[in-house]
Structures are given as C-alpha cells and as structure tokens.
C-alpha cells in the first residue's frame, strides 16, 4: 500500500514544474522527497505530518507579515509541495480501512 499512496503526485508535480523556474523546481522536488520519506516512515500519522508542515509554513508567512512584509502571500515551491503531497494522499486514501 505505501508504494501506491503517491501515485497521483506525478500529475500534481507536472503542473507545478511546467510553470516554475529551475530554482523553484529544485526546491519543490527537495521538499516533496523530504515529505515522502517522512510519510512513508509513518503512514498512519500522515495527517499529522501534513498539518505540521502547513503550520510551520504559515508561521513563516505570519513572521514575514509581522516584519512589515504585507501582501507577500504567494504560492511558494515549499507550500505547493506540501499542498500537492496532501492532495495525493487524499486521492489515494491511505488511511481508509
């Protein structure tokens, strides 16, 4: 089962790669691999892992806003990697019994 949980991720990643720079693609791919490794090590806690990642990213956004960098809310490679891995997990339903 663990092998199949990311089967739709390639479709989400393709959409990102088509519209990103080489630097953004490298950051995206690195984050995706990090997330896949963490999740495959503990599939049962995939929702908590994704939630932690989204929370950490939001903390960075709020910190930037509090430092006067308003309206900087953009779709970064890191955020899109987390979002796409989450969507792939939803597609595969790894926790459905």
N, C-alpha and C. Protein backbone atom coordinates (compact mmCIF):
# COMPACT_ATOMS: atom_id res chain seq x y z
N UNK A 1 0.81 -1.19 0.00
CA UNK A 1 0.00 0.00 0.00
C UNK A 1 0.86 1.27 0.00
N UNK A 2 1.91 1.30 0.78
CA UNK A 2 2.72 2.50 0.92
C UNK A 2 3.29 2.96 -0.42
N UNK A 3 3.57 2.01 -1.30
CA UNK A 3 4.14 2.36 -2.59
C UNK A 3 3.14 3.14 -3.45
N UNK A 4 1.86 2.85 -3.31
CA UNK A 4 0.83 3.45 -4.14
C UNK A 4 0.27 4.77 -3.62
N UNK A 5 0.60 5.17 -2.43
CA UNK A 5 -0.06 6.35 -1.86
C UNK A 5 0.30 7.65 -2.57
N UNK A 6 1.38 7.66 -3.33
CA UNK A 6 1.77 8.87 -4.05
C UNK A 6 1.56 8.73 -5.56
N UNK A 7 0.70 7.83 -5.97
CA UNK A 7 0.56 7.55 -7.40
C UNK A 7 0.07 8.75 -8.21
N UNK A 8 -0.71 9.64 -7.65
CA UNK A 8 -1.19 10.81 -8.40
C UNK A 8 -0.30 12.03 -8.23
N UNK A 9 0.72 11.92 -7.41
CA UNK A 9 1.60 13.07 -7.16
C UNK A 9 2.28 13.54 -8.44
N UNK A 10 2.60 12.61 -9.35
CA UNK A 10 3.28 13.00 -10.59
C UNK A 10 2.43 13.98 -11.41
N UNK A 11 1.13 13.84 -11.35
CA UNK A 11 0.25 14.74 -12.10
C UNK A 11 0.25 16.14 -11.48
N UNK A 12 0.20 16.19 -10.17
CA UNK A 12 0.27 17.48 -9.48
C UNK A 12 1.64 18.14 -9.71
N UNK A 13 2.69 17.35 -9.62
CA UNK A 13 4.04 17.88 -9.80
C UNK A 13 4.24 18.39 -11.22
N UNK A 14 3.69 17.69 -12.19
CA UNK A 14 3.81 18.12 -13.59
C UNK A 14 3.27 19.53 -13.76
N UNK A 15 2.12 19.80 -13.16
CA UNK A 15 1.54 21.13 -13.24
C UNK A 15 2.43 22.19 -12.64
N UNK A 16 3.08 21.88 -11.53
CA UNK A 16 3.99 22.84 -10.92
C UNK A 16 5.23 23.04 -11.78
N UNK A 17 5.83 21.95 -12.22
CA UNK A 17 7.08 22.02 -12.99
C UNK A 17 6.93 22.80 -14.29
N UNK A 18 5.77 22.71 -14.91
CA UNK A 18 5.56 23.42 -16.17
C UNK A 18 5.60 24.93 -16.02
N UNK A 19 5.30 25.43 -14.84
CA UNK A 19 5.19 26.88 -14.65
C UNK A 19 6.22 27.47 -13.70
N UNK A 20 7.23 26.69 -13.32
CA UNK A 20 8.21 27.16 -12.34
C UNK A 20 9.59 27.28 -12.95
N UNK A 21 10.42 28.05 -12.27
CA UNK A 21 11.82 28.19 -12.69
C UNK A 21 12.60 26.97 -12.24
N UNK A 22 13.82 26.83 -12.73
CA UNK A 22 14.67 25.71 -12.34
C UNK A 22 14.93 25.72 -10.84
N UNK A 23 15.12 26.89 -10.27
CA UNK A 23 15.36 27.02 -8.83
C UNK A 23 14.12 26.62 -8.03
N UNK A 24 12.96 27.05 -8.47
CA UNK A 24 11.72 26.67 -7.80
C UNK A 24 11.47 25.16 -7.91
N UNK A 25 11.77 24.60 -9.07
CA UNK A 25 11.61 23.15 -9.25
C UNK A 25 12.51 22.36 -8.32
N UNK A 26 13.74 22.82 -8.15
CA UNK A 26 14.67 22.13 -7.25
C UNK A 26 14.17 22.19 -5.81
N UNK A 27 13.67 23.35 -5.39
CA UNK A 27 13.14 23.49 -4.02
C UNK A 27 11.90 22.62 -3.85
N UNK A 28 11.04 22.61 -4.84
CA UNK A 28 9.82 21.79 -4.80
C UNK A 28 10.17 20.31 -4.68
N UNK A 29 11.05 19.84 -5.56
CA UNK A 29 11.42 18.42 -5.56
C UNK A 29 12.06 18.00 -4.25
N UNK A 30 12.90 18.86 -3.68
CA UNK A 30 13.55 18.55 -2.41
C UNK A 30 12.51 18.42 -1.30
N UNK A 31 11.55 19.33 -1.26
CA UNK A 31 10.51 19.29 -0.23
C UNK A 31 9.62 18.06 -0.42
N UNK A 32 9.27 17.73 -1.65
CA UNK A 32 8.45 16.55 -1.92
C UNK A 32 9.16 15.29 -1.43
N UNK A 33 10.44 15.16 -1.74
CA UNK A 33 11.18 13.97 -1.32
C UNK A 33 11.27 13.88 0.21
N UNK A 34 11.48 15.02 0.86
CA UNK A 34 11.51 15.06 2.32
C UNK A 34 10.18 14.58 2.91
N UNK A 35 9.09 15.10 2.36
CA UNK A 35 7.76 14.72 2.85
C UNK A 35 7.45 13.26 2.58
N UNK A 36 7.78 12.78 1.40
CA UNK A 36 7.53 11.37 1.08
C UNK A 36 8.28 10.46 2.04
N UNK A 37 9.51 10.79 2.32
CA UNK A 37 10.32 9.97 3.23
C UNK A 37 9.70 9.96 4.63
N UNK A 38 9.29 11.12 5.12
CA UNK A 38 8.67 11.20 6.45
C UNK A 38 7.37 10.42 6.51
N UNK A 39 6.56 10.56 5.48
CA UNK A 39 5.25 9.91 5.48
C UNK A 39 5.38 8.40 5.32
N UNK A 40 6.25 7.96 4.44
CA UNK A 40 6.43 6.51 4.25
C UNK A 40 6.97 5.85 5.51
N UNK A 41 7.70 6.59 6.32
CA UNK A 41 8.21 6.05 7.57
C UNK A 41 7.10 5.87 8.61
N UNK A 42 5.99 6.61 8.43
CA UNK A 42 4.90 6.53 9.40
C UNK A 42 3.58 6.93 8.73
N UNK A 43 3.09 6.09 7.83
CA UNK A 43 1.89 6.39 7.05
C UNK A 43 0.69 6.67 7.95
N UNK A 44 0.60 5.99 9.05
CA UNK A 44 -0.54 6.15 9.97
C UNK A 44 -0.66 7.60 10.47
N UNK A 45 0.46 8.30 10.55
CA UNK A 45 0.44 9.68 11.05
C UNK A 45 0.61 10.71 9.93
N UNK A 46 0.26 10.33 8.72
CA UNK A 46 0.36 11.25 7.58
C UNK A 46 -0.42 12.55 7.80
N UNK A 47 -1.65 12.49 8.33
CA UNK A 47 -2.38 13.75 8.54
C UNK A 47 -1.65 14.71 9.50
N UNK A 48 -1.07 14.14 10.54
CA UNK A 48 -0.33 14.98 11.50
C UNK A 48 0.93 15.57 10.86
N UNK A 49 1.59 14.79 10.03
CA UNK A 49 2.81 15.27 9.35
C UNK A 49 2.45 16.42 8.42
N UNK A 50 1.40 16.26 7.64
CA UNK A 50 0.97 17.33 6.73
C UNK A 50 0.56 18.57 7.52
N UNK A 51 -0.17 18.37 8.60
CA UNK A 51 -0.60 19.51 9.43
C UNK A 51 0.60 20.26 10.00
N UNK A 52 1.60 19.53 10.47
CA UNK A 52 2.83 20.16 10.99
C UNK A 52 3.51 20.99 9.91
N UNK A 53 3.57 20.45 8.71
CA UNK A 53 4.23 21.15 7.61
C UNK A 53 3.48 22.43 7.23
N UNK A 54 2.16 22.33 7.13
CA UNK A 54 1.37 23.52 6.83
C UNK A 54 1.52 24.57 7.93
N UNK A 55 1.51 24.13 9.19
CA UNK A 55 1.64 25.06 10.32
C UNK A 55 3.00 25.76 10.31
N UNK A 56 4.05 25.01 10.04
CA UNK A 56 5.39 25.60 10.01
C UNK A 56 5.48 26.63 8.88
N UNK A 57 4.88 26.32 7.75
CA UNK A 57 4.91 27.27 6.63
C UNK A 57 4.11 28.53 6.97
N UNK A 58 2.94 28.36 7.57
CA UNK A 58 2.13 29.51 7.96
C UNK A 58 2.85 30.38 8.97
N UNK A 59 3.60 29.77 9.88
CA UNK A 59 4.36 30.55 10.87
C UNK A 59 5.36 31.46 10.16
N UNK A 60 5.98 30.95 9.10
CA UNK A 60 6.93 31.78 8.33
C UNK A 60 6.21 32.95 7.67
N UNK A 61 5.03 32.70 7.15
CA UNK A 61 4.24 33.75 6.50
C UNK A 61 3.86 34.82 7.52
N UNK A 62 3.37 34.39 8.69
CA UNK A 62 2.98 35.35 9.73
C UNK A 62 4.18 36.15 10.23
N UNK A 63 5.33 35.49 10.36
CA UNK A 63 6.53 36.20 10.79
C UNK A 63 6.88 37.30 9.78
N UNK A 64 6.81 36.97 8.50
CA UNK A 64 7.09 37.96 7.47
C UNK A 64 6.11 39.12 7.55
N UNK A 65 4.83 38.81 7.76
CA UNK A 65 3.84 39.88 7.87
C UNK A 65 4.11 40.77 9.06
N UNK A 66 4.51 40.19 10.18
CA UNK A 66 4.79 40.97 11.38
C UNK A 66 6.06 41.80 11.24
N UNK A 67 6.87 41.47 10.26
CA UNK A 67 8.07 42.25 9.98
C UNK A 67 7.82 43.29 8.90
N UNK A 68 6.53 43.49 8.56
CA UNK A 68 6.17 44.52 7.61
C UNK A 68 6.13 44.08 6.17
N UNK A 69 6.22 42.82 5.90
CA UNK A 69 6.18 42.31 4.52
C UNK A 69 4.75 41.86 4.21
N UNK A 70 3.86 42.82 4.12
CA UNK A 70 2.45 42.51 3.88
C UNK A 70 2.21 42.16 2.43
N UNK A 71 1.15 41.42 2.20
CA UNK A 71 0.72 41.02 0.85
C UNK A 71 1.81 40.24 0.12
N UNK A 72 2.59 39.47 0.85
CA UNK A 72 3.63 38.64 0.25
C UNK A 72 3.13 37.20 0.17
N UNK A 73 1.83 37.01 0.33
CA UNK A 73 1.27 35.67 0.33
C UNK A 73 1.24 35.15 -1.11
N UNK A 74 2.24 34.37 -1.46
CA UNK A 74 2.27 33.80 -2.79
C UNK A 74 2.49 32.30 -2.69
N UNK A 75 2.23 31.65 -3.74
CA UNK A 75 2.37 30.20 -3.78
C UNK A 75 3.85 29.87 -3.95
N UNK A 76 4.51 29.55 -2.84
CA UNK A 76 5.93 29.21 -2.92
C UNK A 76 6.09 27.74 -3.28
N UNK A 77 7.29 27.37 -3.67
CA UNK A 77 7.58 25.98 -4.02
C UNK A 77 7.36 25.07 -2.81
N UNK A 78 7.75 25.56 -1.64
CA UNK A 78 7.58 24.77 -0.41
C UNK A 78 6.10 24.53 -0.13
N UNK A 79 5.30 25.60 -0.17
CA UNK A 79 3.88 25.45 0.11
C UNK A 79 3.22 24.53 -0.92
N UNK A 80 3.56 24.69 -2.19
CA UNK A 80 2.94 23.88 -3.23
C UNK A 80 3.33 22.41 -3.09
N UNK A 81 4.54 22.13 -2.64
CA UNK A 81 4.95 20.74 -2.41
C UNK A 81 4.10 20.11 -1.32
N UNK A 82 3.89 20.83 -0.23
CA UNK A 82 3.07 20.33 0.87
C UNK A 82 1.64 20.11 0.37
N UNK A 83 1.11 21.08 -0.34
CA UNK A 83 -0.26 21.01 -0.86
C UNK A 83 -0.43 19.83 -1.83
N UNK A 84 0.52 19.63 -2.71
CA UNK A 84 0.42 18.55 -3.69
C UNK A 84 0.56 17.17 -3.04
N UNK A 85 1.43 17.05 -2.06
CA UNK A 85 1.55 15.77 -1.35
C UNK A 85 0.25 15.49 -0.60
N UNK A 86 -0.31 16.50 0.00
CA UNK A 86 -1.60 16.35 0.70
C UNK A 86 -2.68 15.90 -0.27
N UNK A 87 -2.77 16.53 -1.43
CA UNK A 87 -3.78 16.16 -2.42
C UNK A 87 -3.58 14.73 -2.90
N UNK A 88 -2.35 14.33 -3.07
CA UNK A 88 -2.06 12.96 -3.49
C UNK A 88 -2.50 11.95 -2.44
N UNK A 89 -2.29 12.29 -1.18
CA UNK A 89 -2.73 11.41 -0.09
C UNK A 89 -4.25 11.33 -0.04
N UNK A 90 -4.91 12.43 -0.26
CA UNK A 90 -6.38 12.43 -0.28
C UNK A 90 -6.87 11.54 -1.42
N UNK A 91 -6.22 11.63 -2.57
CA UNK A 91 -6.60 10.80 -3.72
C UNK A 91 -6.46 9.30 -3.42
N UNK A 92 -5.38 8.95 -2.73
CA UNK A 92 -5.10 7.52 -2.50
C UNK A 92 -5.78 6.95 -1.27
N UNK A 93 -6.27 7.83 -0.40
CA UNK A 93 -6.96 7.41 0.82
C UNK A 93 -6.15 6.39 1.62
N UNK A 94 -4.91 6.74 2.02
CA UNK A 94 -4.06 5.74 2.69
C UNK A 94 -4.58 5.26 4.03
N UNK A 95 -5.44 6.04 4.65
CA UNK A 95 -5.92 5.65 5.97
C UNK A 95 -7.30 5.01 5.94
N UNK A 96 -7.86 4.88 4.75
CA UNK A 96 -9.19 4.27 4.64
C UNK A 96 -9.07 2.77 4.91
N UNK A 97 -9.89 2.29 5.79
CA UNK A 97 -9.81 0.87 6.17
C UNK A 97 -10.70 0.05 5.27
